[in-house]
Amino acid sequence: MQPFYYHFKSKISGMIATNYNPKASEEKWYKYWMDHKLFHSEVDNSREPYCIVIPPPNVTGVLHMGHMLNNTIQDALVRRARLLGKNACWVDRKSTRLNSSHT
């Protein structure tokens, strides 16, 4: 007996990519975020500040599941802080990244 999705397989494979292509979606969303100033933050003394700095990758520069878990937890903490009304800022360290060659 064939699985229930057997007859839909050819239709599904034509609609859903078998491999994730981050460039296809991330460029679109990054432009949207920049156009809507979603990375913009200003000092607001009426709200409690909350800031998390994303740490740089390890010396090898190889990302692994630990990085994904760390970023997921940071994302959840920043979103929670925003829901609590704090002036939350999640700072990316890419622009100031240091590695072992700078020490």
N, C-alpha and C. Protein backbone atom coordinates (compact mmCIF):
# COMPACT_ATOMS: atom_id res chain seq x y z
N MET A 1 0.84 -1.19 0.00
CA MET A 1 0.00 0.00 0.00
C MET A 1 0.88 1.25 0.00
N GLN A 2 0.54 2.21 -0.82
CA GLN A 2 1.29 3.46 -0.93
C GLN A 2 0.93 4.41 0.21
N PRO A 3 1.88 5.26 0.64
CA PRO A 3 1.53 6.25 1.66
C PRO A 3 0.50 7.24 1.13
N PHE A 4 -0.22 7.88 2.04
CA PHE A 4 -1.32 8.77 1.63
C PHE A 4 -0.87 9.90 0.72
N TYR A 5 0.39 10.34 0.85
CA TYR A 5 0.86 11.47 0.06
C TYR A 5 1.47 11.04 -1.28
N TYR A 6 1.45 9.75 -1.59
CA TYR A 6 2.09 9.23 -2.80
C TYR A 6 1.59 9.93 -4.06
N HIS A 7 0.31 10.15 -4.19
CA HIS A 7 -0.27 10.74 -5.40
C HIS A 7 0.00 12.24 -5.50
N PHE A 8 0.38 12.85 -4.39
CA PHE A 8 0.65 14.28 -4.39
C PHE A 8 2.13 14.59 -4.54
N LYS A 9 2.96 13.55 -4.51
CA LYS A 9 4.40 13.76 -4.48
C LYS A 9 4.90 14.62 -5.64
N SER A 10 4.46 14.36 -6.85
CA SER A 10 4.94 15.14 -7.99
C SER A 10 4.50 16.60 -7.89
N LYS A 11 3.31 16.83 -7.38
CA LYS A 11 2.84 18.21 -7.23
C LYS A 11 3.61 18.93 -6.13
N ILE A 12 3.85 18.23 -5.03
CA ILE A 12 4.55 18.84 -3.90
C ILE A 12 5.99 19.16 -4.27
N SER A 13 6.68 18.23 -4.93
CA SER A 13 8.09 18.46 -5.24
C SER A 13 8.27 19.67 -6.17
N GLY A 14 7.27 19.99 -6.95
CA GLY A 14 7.37 21.15 -7.82
C GLY A 14 7.13 22.46 -7.09
N MET A 15 6.53 22.40 -5.90
CA MET A 15 6.20 23.62 -5.16
C MET A 15 7.17 23.92 -4.03
N ILE A 16 7.78 22.90 -3.45
CA ILE A 16 8.63 23.09 -2.29
C ILE A 16 10.06 22.68 -2.65
N ALA A 17 11.00 23.56 -2.40
CA ALA A 17 12.39 23.24 -2.69
C ALA A 17 12.89 22.15 -1.75
N THR A 18 13.72 21.29 -2.26
CA THR A 18 14.26 20.22 -1.42
C THR A 18 15.37 20.73 -0.52
N ASN A 19 16.04 21.80 -0.91
CA ASN A 19 17.10 22.40 -0.09
C ASN A 19 16.74 23.85 0.23
N TYR A 20 17.06 24.28 1.43
CA TYR A 20 16.81 25.66 1.83
C TYR A 20 17.82 26.57 1.18
N ASN A 21 17.32 27.62 0.54
CA ASN A 21 18.18 28.62 -0.07
C ASN A 21 18.01 29.92 0.70
N PRO A 22 18.89 30.21 1.66
CA PRO A 22 18.71 31.39 2.49
C PRO A 22 18.73 32.70 1.72
N LYS A 23 19.49 32.76 0.66
CA LYS A 23 19.59 34.01 -0.11
C LYS A 23 18.24 34.43 -0.68
N ALA A 24 17.45 33.45 -1.08
CA ALA A 24 16.15 33.74 -1.69
C ALA A 24 15.21 34.45 -0.73
N SER A 25 15.23 34.09 0.53
CA SER A 25 14.30 34.70 1.48
C SER A 25 14.94 35.79 2.33
N GLU A 26 16.20 35.61 2.70
CA GLU A 26 16.81 36.55 3.62
C GLU A 26 17.03 37.93 3.01
N GLU A 27 17.37 38.01 1.74
CA GLU A 27 17.54 39.32 1.10
C GLU A 27 16.23 40.10 1.14
N LYS A 28 15.14 39.43 0.85
CA LYS A 28 13.81 40.07 0.87
C LYS A 28 13.49 40.61 2.26
N TRP A 29 13.66 39.77 3.29
CA TRP A 29 13.29 40.18 4.63
C TRP A 29 14.26 41.20 5.21
N TYR A 30 15.54 41.08 4.91
CA TYR A 30 16.51 42.06 5.40
C TYR A 30 16.19 43.44 4.84
N LYS A 31 15.86 43.51 3.55
CA LYS A 31 15.47 44.79 2.95
C LYS A 31 14.23 45.36 3.64
N TYR A 32 13.25 44.49 3.91
CA TYR A 32 12.03 44.93 4.59
C TYR A 32 12.36 45.49 5.98
N TRP A 33 13.21 44.76 6.71
CA TRP A 33 13.58 45.22 8.06
C TRP A 33 14.31 46.56 8.00
N MET A 34 15.20 46.72 7.03
CA MET A 34 15.95 47.98 6.90
C MET A 34 15.01 49.11 6.48
N ASP A 35 14.13 48.85 5.51
CA ASP A 35 13.20 49.87 5.04
C ASP A 35 12.26 50.35 6.15
N HIS A 36 11.90 49.47 7.05
CA HIS A 36 10.99 49.81 8.15
C HIS A 36 11.72 50.14 9.45
N LYS A 37 13.05 50.29 9.36
CA LYS A 37 13.90 50.67 10.50
C LYS A 37 13.68 49.79 11.73
N LEU A 38 13.57 48.49 11.49
CA LEU A 38 13.33 47.57 12.59
C LEU A 38 14.59 47.33 13.42
N PHE A 39 15.76 47.74 12.92
CA PHE A 39 16.99 47.64 13.69
C PHE A 39 17.28 48.94 14.45
N HIS A 40 16.48 49.96 14.22
CA HIS A 40 16.70 51.27 14.80
C HIS A 40 16.32 51.28 16.28
N SER A 41 17.13 51.94 17.06
CA SER A 41 16.84 52.08 18.48
C SER A 41 17.26 53.46 18.93
N GLU A 42 16.47 54.04 19.81
CA GLU A 42 16.80 55.36 20.37
C GLU A 42 16.72 55.29 21.89
N VAL A 43 17.46 56.16 22.53
CA VAL A 43 17.41 56.24 23.98
C VAL A 43 16.01 56.70 24.39
N ASP A 44 15.43 55.99 25.32
CA ASP A 44 14.10 56.32 25.83
C ASP A 44 14.17 56.20 27.36
N ASN A 45 14.41 57.31 28.01
CA ASN A 45 14.60 57.30 29.46
C ASN A 45 13.34 56.94 30.24
N SER A 46 12.19 56.91 29.56
CA SER A 46 10.96 56.54 30.25
C SER A 46 10.82 55.03 30.41
N ARG A 47 11.67 54.28 29.70
CA ARG A 47 11.62 52.82 29.78
C ARG A 47 12.95 52.27 30.28
N GLU A 48 12.87 51.15 30.96
CA GLU A 48 14.08 50.50 31.45
C GLU A 48 14.86 49.93 30.26
N PRO A 49 16.16 50.22 30.19
CA PRO A 49 16.94 49.66 29.08
C PRO A 49 17.22 48.18 29.28
N TYR A 50 17.36 47.46 28.17
CA TYR A 50 17.68 46.04 28.19
C TYR A 50 18.51 45.77 26.94
N CYS A 51 19.69 45.21 27.11
CA CYS A 51 20.57 45.01 25.97
C CYS A 51 21.27 43.66 26.06
N ILE A 52 21.35 42.96 24.94
CA ILE A 52 22.11 41.73 24.82
C ILE A 52 23.05 41.92 23.64
N VAL A 53 24.33 41.60 23.86
CA VAL A 53 25.32 41.66 22.78
C VAL A 53 25.57 40.24 22.30
N ILE A 54 25.40 40.03 21.02
CA ILE A 54 25.64 38.72 20.44
C ILE A 54 27.15 38.48 20.45
N PRO A 55 27.59 37.41 21.09
CA PRO A 55 29.04 37.16 21.13
C PRO A 55 29.57 36.74 19.77
N PRO A 56 30.84 37.00 19.52
CA PRO A 56 31.43 36.58 18.24
C PRO A 56 31.57 35.06 18.19
N PRO A 57 31.70 34.50 16.99
CA PRO A 57 31.89 33.06 16.89
C PRO A 57 33.25 32.66 17.46
N ASN A 58 33.45 31.37 17.61
CA ASN A 58 34.73 30.89 18.13
C ASN A 58 35.85 31.15 17.13
N VAL A 59 37.07 30.86 17.53
CA VAL A 59 38.24 31.17 16.72
C VAL A 59 38.18 30.55 15.33
N THR A 60 37.61 29.36 15.23
CA THR A 60 37.57 28.68 13.93
C THR A 60 36.58 29.33 12.98
N GLY A 61 35.61 30.07 13.51
CA GLY A 61 34.59 30.69 12.67
C GLY A 61 33.53 29.72 12.22
N VAL A 62 33.57 28.49 12.70
CA VAL A 62 32.60 27.47 12.31
C VAL A 62 31.40 27.54 13.24
N LEU A 63 30.22 27.70 12.67
CA LEU A 63 29.00 27.74 13.47
C LEU A 63 28.50 26.33 13.73
N HIS A 64 27.90 26.12 14.88
CA HIS A 64 27.38 24.81 15.23
C HIS A 64 26.07 24.96 15.99
N MET A 65 25.49 23.85 16.42
CA MET A 65 24.19 23.87 17.09
C MET A 65 24.21 24.70 18.37
N GLY A 66 25.34 24.78 19.03
CA GLY A 66 25.45 25.61 20.23
C GLY A 66 25.20 27.08 19.92
N HIS A 67 25.69 27.56 18.78
CA HIS A 67 25.44 28.94 18.36
C HIS A 67 23.95 29.15 18.11
N MET A 68 23.33 28.18 17.46
CA MET A 68 21.89 28.29 17.16
C MET A 68 21.09 28.36 18.45
N LEU A 69 21.43 27.51 19.41
CA LEU A 69 20.72 27.52 20.69
C LEU A 69 20.93 28.85 21.40
N ASN A 70 22.15 29.33 21.43
CA ASN A 70 22.47 30.61 22.07
C ASN A 70 21.67 31.75 21.44
N ASN A 71 21.66 31.82 20.12
CA ASN A 71 20.93 32.89 19.43
C ASN A 71 19.42 32.78 19.66
N THR A 72 18.90 31.56 19.71
CA THR A 72 17.47 31.36 19.96
C THR A 72 17.09 31.85 21.35
N ILE A 73 17.91 31.53 22.33
CA ILE A 73 17.64 31.98 23.71
C ILE A 73 17.70 33.50 23.78
N GLN A 74 18.71 34.10 23.16
CA GLN A 74 18.83 35.56 23.16
C GLN A 74 17.61 36.20 22.49
N ASP A 75 17.17 35.64 21.38
CA ASP A 75 16.00 36.16 20.68
C ASP A 75 14.77 36.13 21.59
N ALA A 76 14.58 35.02 22.28
CA ALA A 76 13.44 34.89 23.19
C ALA A 76 13.53 35.91 24.33
N LEU A 77 14.72 36.11 24.88
CA LEU A 77 14.89 37.07 25.98
C LEU A 77 14.62 38.51 25.54
N VAL A 78 15.09 38.86 24.36
CA VAL A 78 14.87 40.22 23.85
C VAL A 78 13.39 40.44 23.55
N ARG A 79 12.73 39.46 22.95
CA ARG A 79 11.29 39.58 22.68
C ARG A 79 10.50 39.72 23.98
N ARG A 80 10.87 38.94 24.99
CA ARG A 80 10.20 39.03 26.30
C ARG A 80 10.39 40.42 26.90
N ALA A 81 11.62 40.94 26.83
CA ALA A 81 11.88 42.27 27.36
C ALA A 81 11.03 43.32 26.66
N ARG A 82 10.88 43.19 25.36
CA ARG A 82 10.03 44.14 24.61
C ARG A 82 8.57 44.03 25.04
N LEU A 83 8.11 42.79 25.26
CA LEU A 83 6.73 42.60 25.71
C LEU A 83 6.51 43.21 27.10
N LEU A 84 7.57 43.24 27.90
CA LEU A 84 7.48 43.84 29.24
C LEU A 84 7.63 45.36 29.20
N GLY A 85 7.78 45.92 27.98
CA GLY A 85 7.85 47.36 27.83
C GLY A 85 9.24 47.95 27.94
N LYS A 86 10.26 47.12 28.00
CA LYS A 86 11.63 47.62 28.10
C LYS A 86 12.12 48.09 26.73
N ASN A 87 13.07 49.00 26.75
CA ASN A 87 13.68 49.49 25.53
C ASN A 87 14.79 48.50 25.16
N ALA A 88 14.41 47.42 24.51
CA ALA A 88 15.32 46.30 24.25
C ALA A 88 16.13 46.52 22.99
N CYS A 89 17.40 46.13 23.07
CA CYS A 89 18.30 46.24 21.93
C CYS A 89 19.15 44.99 21.86
N TRP A 90 19.17 44.37 20.71
CA TRP A 90 19.97 43.16 20.49
C TRP A 90 21.10 43.55 19.55
N VAL A 91 22.30 43.69 20.07
CA VAL A 91 23.44 44.24 19.33
C VAL A 91 24.22 43.12 18.66
N ASP A 92 24.39 43.25 17.36
CA ASP A 92 25.17 42.29 16.59
C ASP A 92 26.63 42.70 16.66
N ARG A 93 27.50 41.76 16.94
CA ARG A 93 28.92 42.06 17.08
C ARG A 93 29.68 41.99 15.77
N LYS A 94 29.02 41.82 14.64
CA LYS A 94 29.73 41.67 13.37
C LYS A 94 30.62 42.86 13.08
N SER A 95 30.16 44.06 13.37
CA SER A 95 30.93 45.24 13.02
C SER A 95 32.14 45.43 13.91
N THR A 96 32.15 44.82 15.07
CA THR A 96 33.28 44.98 15.99
C THR A 96 33.91 43.64 16.32
N ARG A 97 33.70 42.66 15.48
CA ARG A 97 34.17 41.30 15.75
C ARG A 97 35.69 41.25 15.86
N LEU A 98 36.13 40.62 16.91
CA LEU A 98 37.56 40.37 17.09
C LEU A 98 37.80 38.88 17.03
N ASN A 99 38.93 38.50 16.53
CA ASN A 99 39.28 37.09 16.55
C ASN A 99 40.70 36.93 17.08
N SER A 100 41.22 35.74 17.06
CA SER A 100 42.52 35.47 17.67
C SER A 100 43.65 36.27 17.02
N SER A 101 43.50 36.72 15.79
CA SER A 101 44.55 37.48 15.15
C SER A 101 44.68 38.90 15.71
N HIS A 102 43.67 39.36 16.46
CA HIS A 102 43.71 40.70 17.03
C HIS A 102 44.19 40.73 18.47
N THR A 103 44.54 39.58 19.01
CA THR A 103 44.96 39.56 20.43
C THR A 103 46.45 39.59 20.55
